[in-house]
C-alpha atoms as a PDB file:
ATOM      1  CA  UNK A   1      -0.095   4.452  -6.334  1.00  0.00           C
ATOM      2  CA  UNK A   2       2.263   1.914  -4.849  1.00  0.00           C
ATOM      3  CA  UNK A   3       1.289  -1.677  -3.866  1.00  0.00           C
ATOM      4  CA  UNK A   4       3.541  -3.081  -1.213  1.00  0.00           C
ATOM      5  CA  UNK A   5       2.832  -6.912  -1.069  1.00  0.00           C
ATOM      6  CA  UNK A   6       4.962  -9.843  -0.712  1.00  0.00           C
ATOM      7  CA  UNK A   7       2.740 -12.323  -2.449  1.00  0.00           C
ATOM      8  CA  UNK A   8       3.595 -12.079  -6.037  1.00  0.00           C
ATOM      9  CA  UNK A   9       0.163 -13.386  -7.246  1.00  0.00           C
ATOM     10  CA  UNK A  10      -1.634 -10.861  -5.163  1.00  0.00           C
ATOM     11  CA  UNK A  11       0.651  -7.971  -5.975  1.00  0.00           C
ATOM     12  CA  UNK A  12       0.192  -8.767  -9.732  1.00  0.00           C
ATOM     13  CA  UNK A  13      -3.561  -9.183  -9.588  1.00  0.00           C
ATOM     14  CA  UNK A  14      -4.212  -5.948  -7.619  1.00  0.00           C
ATOM     15  CA  UNK A  15      -1.803  -4.112  -9.986  1.00  0.00           C
ATOM     16  CA  UNK A  16      -3.548  -5.350 -13.018  1.00  0.00           C
ATOM     17  CA  UNK A  17      -7.032  -4.581 -11.770  1.00  0.00           C
ATOM     18  CA  UNK A  18      -6.055  -1.070 -10.719  1.00  0.00           C
ATOM     19  CA  UNK A  19      -4.322  -0.440 -13.939  1.00  0.00           C
ATOM     20  CA  UNK A  20      -7.340  -1.607 -15.773  1.00  0.00           C
ATOM     21  CA  UNK A  21      -9.462   0.813 -13.712  1.00  0.00           C
ATOM     22  CA  UNK A  22      -7.191   3.621 -15.016  1.00  0.00           C
ATOM     23  CA  UNK A  23      -4.646   4.090 -12.192  1.00  0.00           C
ATOM     24  CA  UNK A  24      -0.893   4.417 -12.461  1.00  0.00           C
ATOM     25  CA  UNK A  25       0.502   1.629 -10.357  1.00  0.00           C
ATOM     26  CA  UNK A  26       3.981   0.673  -9.095  1.00  0.00           C
ATOM     27  CA  UNK A  27       4.671  -2.359  -6.882  1.00  0.00           C
ATOM     28  CA  UNK A  28       7.170  -3.475  -4.314  1.00  0.00           C
ATOM     29  CA  UNK A  29       7.582  -6.946  -2.590  1.00  0.00           C
ATOM     30  CA  UNK A  30       8.338  -5.482   0.850  1.00  0.00           C
ATOM     31  CA  UNK A  31       8.794  -2.480   2.925  1.00  0.00           C
ATOM     32  CA  UNK A  32      12.512  -1.930   2.169  1.00  0.00           C
ATOM     33  CA  UNK A  33      11.901  -2.170  -1.652  1.00  0.00           C
ATOM     34  CA  UNK A  34       9.072   0.308  -1.207  1.00  0.00           C
ATOM     35  CA  UNK A  35      11.264   2.842   0.665  1.00  0.00           C
ATOM     36  CA  UNK A  36      13.948   2.368  -2.127  1.00  0.00           C
ATOM     37  CA  UNK A  37      11.276   3.108  -4.801  1.00  0.00           C
ATOM     38  CA  UNK A  38      10.041   6.073  -2.912  1.00  0.00           C
ATOM     39  CA  UNK A  39      13.508   7.531  -2.508  1.00  0.00           C
ATOM     40  CA  UNK A  40      14.383   7.472  -6.212  1.00  0.00           C
ATOM     41  CA  UNK A  41      15.670  10.791  -7.240  1.00  0.00           C
ATOM     42  CA  UNK A  42      13.138  11.532 -10.007  1.00  0.00           C
ATOM     43  CA  UNK A  43      10.271   9.706  -8.292  1.00  0.00           C
ATOM     44  CA  UNK A  44       6.800  11.220  -8.219  1.00  0.00           C
ATOM     45  CA  UNK A  45       5.281  10.225  -4.888  1.00  0.00           C
ATOM     46  CA  UNK A  46       2.138   8.015  -5.129  1.00  0.00           C
ATOM     47  CA  UNK A  47      -1.301   9.191  -4.410  1.00  0.00           C
ATOM     48  CA  UNK A  48      -1.719   6.236  -1.992  1.00  0.00           C
ATOM     49  CA  UNK A  49       0.297   3.284  -0.679  1.00  0.00           C
ATOM     50  CA  UNK A  50      -1.668  -0.110  -0.444  1.00  0.00           C
ATOM     51  CA  UNK A  51       0.272  -1.862   2.320  1.00  0.00           C
ATOM     52  CA  UNK A  52       0.330  -5.505   3.339  1.00  0.00           C
ATOM     53  CA  UNK A  53       1.373  -6.043   6.934  1.00  0.00           C
ATOM     54  CA  UNK A  54       3.192  -9.465   7.096  1.00  0.00           C
ATOM     55  CA  UNK A  55       6.159  -9.468   4.700  1.00  0.00           C
ATOM     56  CA  UNK A  56       9.811 -10.514   4.769  1.00  0.00           C
ATOM     57  CA  UNK A  57      12.627  -8.061   4.985  1.00  0.00           C
ATOM     58  CA  UNK A  58      10.579  -5.167   6.189  1.00  0.00           C
ATOM     59  CA  UNK A  59       7.019  -5.723   7.339  1.00  0.00           C
ATOM     60  CA  UNK A  60       4.169  -3.182   7.140  1.00  0.00           C
ATOM     61  CA  UNK A  61       4.562  -2.102  10.751  1.00  0.00           C
ATOM     62  CA  UNK A  62       8.350  -1.271  10.249  1.00  0.00           C
ATOM     63  CA  UNK A  63       7.654   0.516   6.881  1.00  0.00           C
ATOM     64  CA  UNK A  64       4.972   2.584   8.390  1.00  0.00           C
ATOM     65  CA  UNK A  65       7.089   3.671  11.311  1.00  0.00           C
ATOM     66  CA  UNK A  66       9.870   4.835   8.931  1.00  0.00           C
ATOM     67  CA  UNK A  67       7.401   6.439   6.503  1.00  0.00           C
ATOM     68  CA  UNK A  68       5.618   8.486   9.361  1.00  0.00           C
ATOM     69  CA  UNK A  69       9.009   9.914  10.401  1.00  0.00           C
ATOM     70  CA  UNK A  70      10.258  10.808   6.875  1.00  0.00           C
ATOM     71  CA  UNK A  71       8.960  14.395   6.138  1.00  0.00           C
ATOM     72  CA  UNK A  72       9.068  13.647   2.347  1.00  0.00           C
ATOM     73  CA  UNK A  73       6.818  10.479   2.755  1.00  0.00           C
ATOM     74  CA  UNK A  74       4.795  11.129   5.866  1.00  0.00           C
ATOM     75  CA  UNK A  75       1.776  12.677   4.094  1.00  0.00           C
ATOM     76  CA  UNK A  76       1.232   9.915   1.613  1.00  0.00           C
ATOM     77  CA  UNK A  77      -2.022   8.141   2.605  1.00  0.00           C
ATOM     78  CA  UNK A  78      -1.800   4.425   3.559  1.00  0.00           C
ATOM     79  CA  UNK A  79      -4.372   1.849   3.017  1.00  0.00           C
ATOM     80  CA  UNK A  80      -3.608  -1.466   4.852  1.00  0.00           C
ATOM     81  CA  UNK A  81      -4.752  -4.575   3.099  1.00  0.00           C
ATOM     82  CA  UNK A  82      -4.156  -7.753   5.115  1.00  0.00           C
ATOM     83  CA  UNK A  83      -5.206 -11.260   5.658  1.00  0.00           C
ATOM     84  CA  UNK A  84      -3.906 -10.978   9.268  1.00  0.00           C
ATOM     85  CA  UNK A  85      -7.476 -11.190  10.649  1.00  0.00           C
ATOM     86  CA  UNK A  86      -9.786  -8.724  12.433  1.00  0.00           C
ATOM     87  CA  UNK A  87      -8.363  -5.384  13.026  1.00  0.00           C
ATOM     88  CA  UNK A  88      -8.781  -5.556  16.781  1.00  0.00           C
ATOM     89  CA  UNK A  89      -6.496  -8.665  16.826  1.00  0.00           C
ATOM     90  CA  UNK A  90      -3.567  -6.966  15.080  1.00  0.00           C
ATOM     91  CA  UNK A  91      -1.037  -4.799  16.892  1.00  0.00           C
ATOM     92  CA  UNK A  92      -1.716  -1.155  16.334  1.00  0.00           C
ATOM     93  CA  UNK A  93      -0.752   0.518  13.108  1.00  0.00           C
ATOM     94  CA  UNK A  94      -2.026   3.904  11.939  1.00  0.00           C
ATOM     95  CA  UNK A  95      -3.519   3.944   8.352  1.00  0.00           C
ATOM     96  CA  UNK A  96      -5.987   6.023   6.463  1.00  0.00           C
ATOM     97  CA  UNK A  97      -8.086   2.978   5.804  1.00  0.00           C
ATOM     98  CA  UNK A  98      -8.144  -0.733   6.415  1.00  0.00           C
ATOM     99  CA  UNK A  99      -9.295  -3.571   4.173  1.00  0.00           C
ATOM    100  CA  UNK A 100      -9.214  -7.339   4.773  1.00  0.00           C
ATOM    101  CA  UNK A 101      -8.244 -10.026   2.218  1.00  0.00           C
ATOM    102  CA  UNK A 102      -9.531 -11.449   0.048  1.00  0.00           C
ATOM    103  CA  UNK A 103      -9.868  -7.878  -1.322  1.00  0.00           C
ATOM    104  CA  UNK A 104     -13.362  -6.654  -2.232  1.00  0.00           C
ATOM    105  CA  UNK A 105     -12.603  -4.697  -5.335  1.00  0.00           C
ATOM    106  CA  UNK A 106     -15.586  -2.384  -5.090  1.00  0.00           C
ATOM    107  CA  UNK A 107     -14.652  -1.418  -1.594  1.00  0.00           C
ATOM    108  CA  UNK A 108     -11.000  -0.980  -2.573  1.00  0.00           C
ATOM    109  CA  UNK A 109     -12.002   1.315  -5.492  1.00  0.00           C
ATOM    110  CA  UNK A 110     -14.431   3.323  -3.032  1.00  0.00           C
ATOM    111  CA  UNK A 111     -11.481   3.615  -0.554  1.00  0.00           C
ATOM    112  CA  UNK A 112      -8.847   4.815  -2.869  1.00  0.00           C
ATOM    113  CA  UNK A 113     -11.096   6.826  -5.327  1.00  0.00           C
ATOM    114  CA  UNK A 114     -11.034   9.936  -3.134  1.00  0.00           C
ATOM    115  CA  UNK A 115      -7.237   9.815  -2.720  1.00  0.00           C
ATOM    116  CA  UNK A 116      -6.171   8.982  -6.349  1.00  0.00           C
ATOM    117  CA  UNK A 117      -7.093  10.260  -9.816  1.00  0.00           C
ATOM    118  CA  UNK A 118      -7.504   7.915 -12.680  1.00  0.00           C
ATOM    119  CA  UNK A 119      -5.435   8.513 -15.857  1.00  0.00           C
END
């Protein structure tokens, strides 16, 4: 899976937790870095992208628009994880699931479990 999160502490905490749960985890600090990672020549696409919305360089909305139009990336499921507030208050973004921060780890596992296999 790929965690796209600008806050280093949050990114590392999510990554460590998910690795301890048996998932293969990669991280990126913003949408552009995530696209760069996803376009590596020998890159195996992640089973899911965990996406923050408010980030510098390229935010979650911009990343998602590019991802949806890229035939190599469009089918990768996206789980938005954000502190931006209630979903109804946030400009529209399509995602397979939506979680609020602080992250409820049981709910996160229940959300990504059907999308990813543990190693």
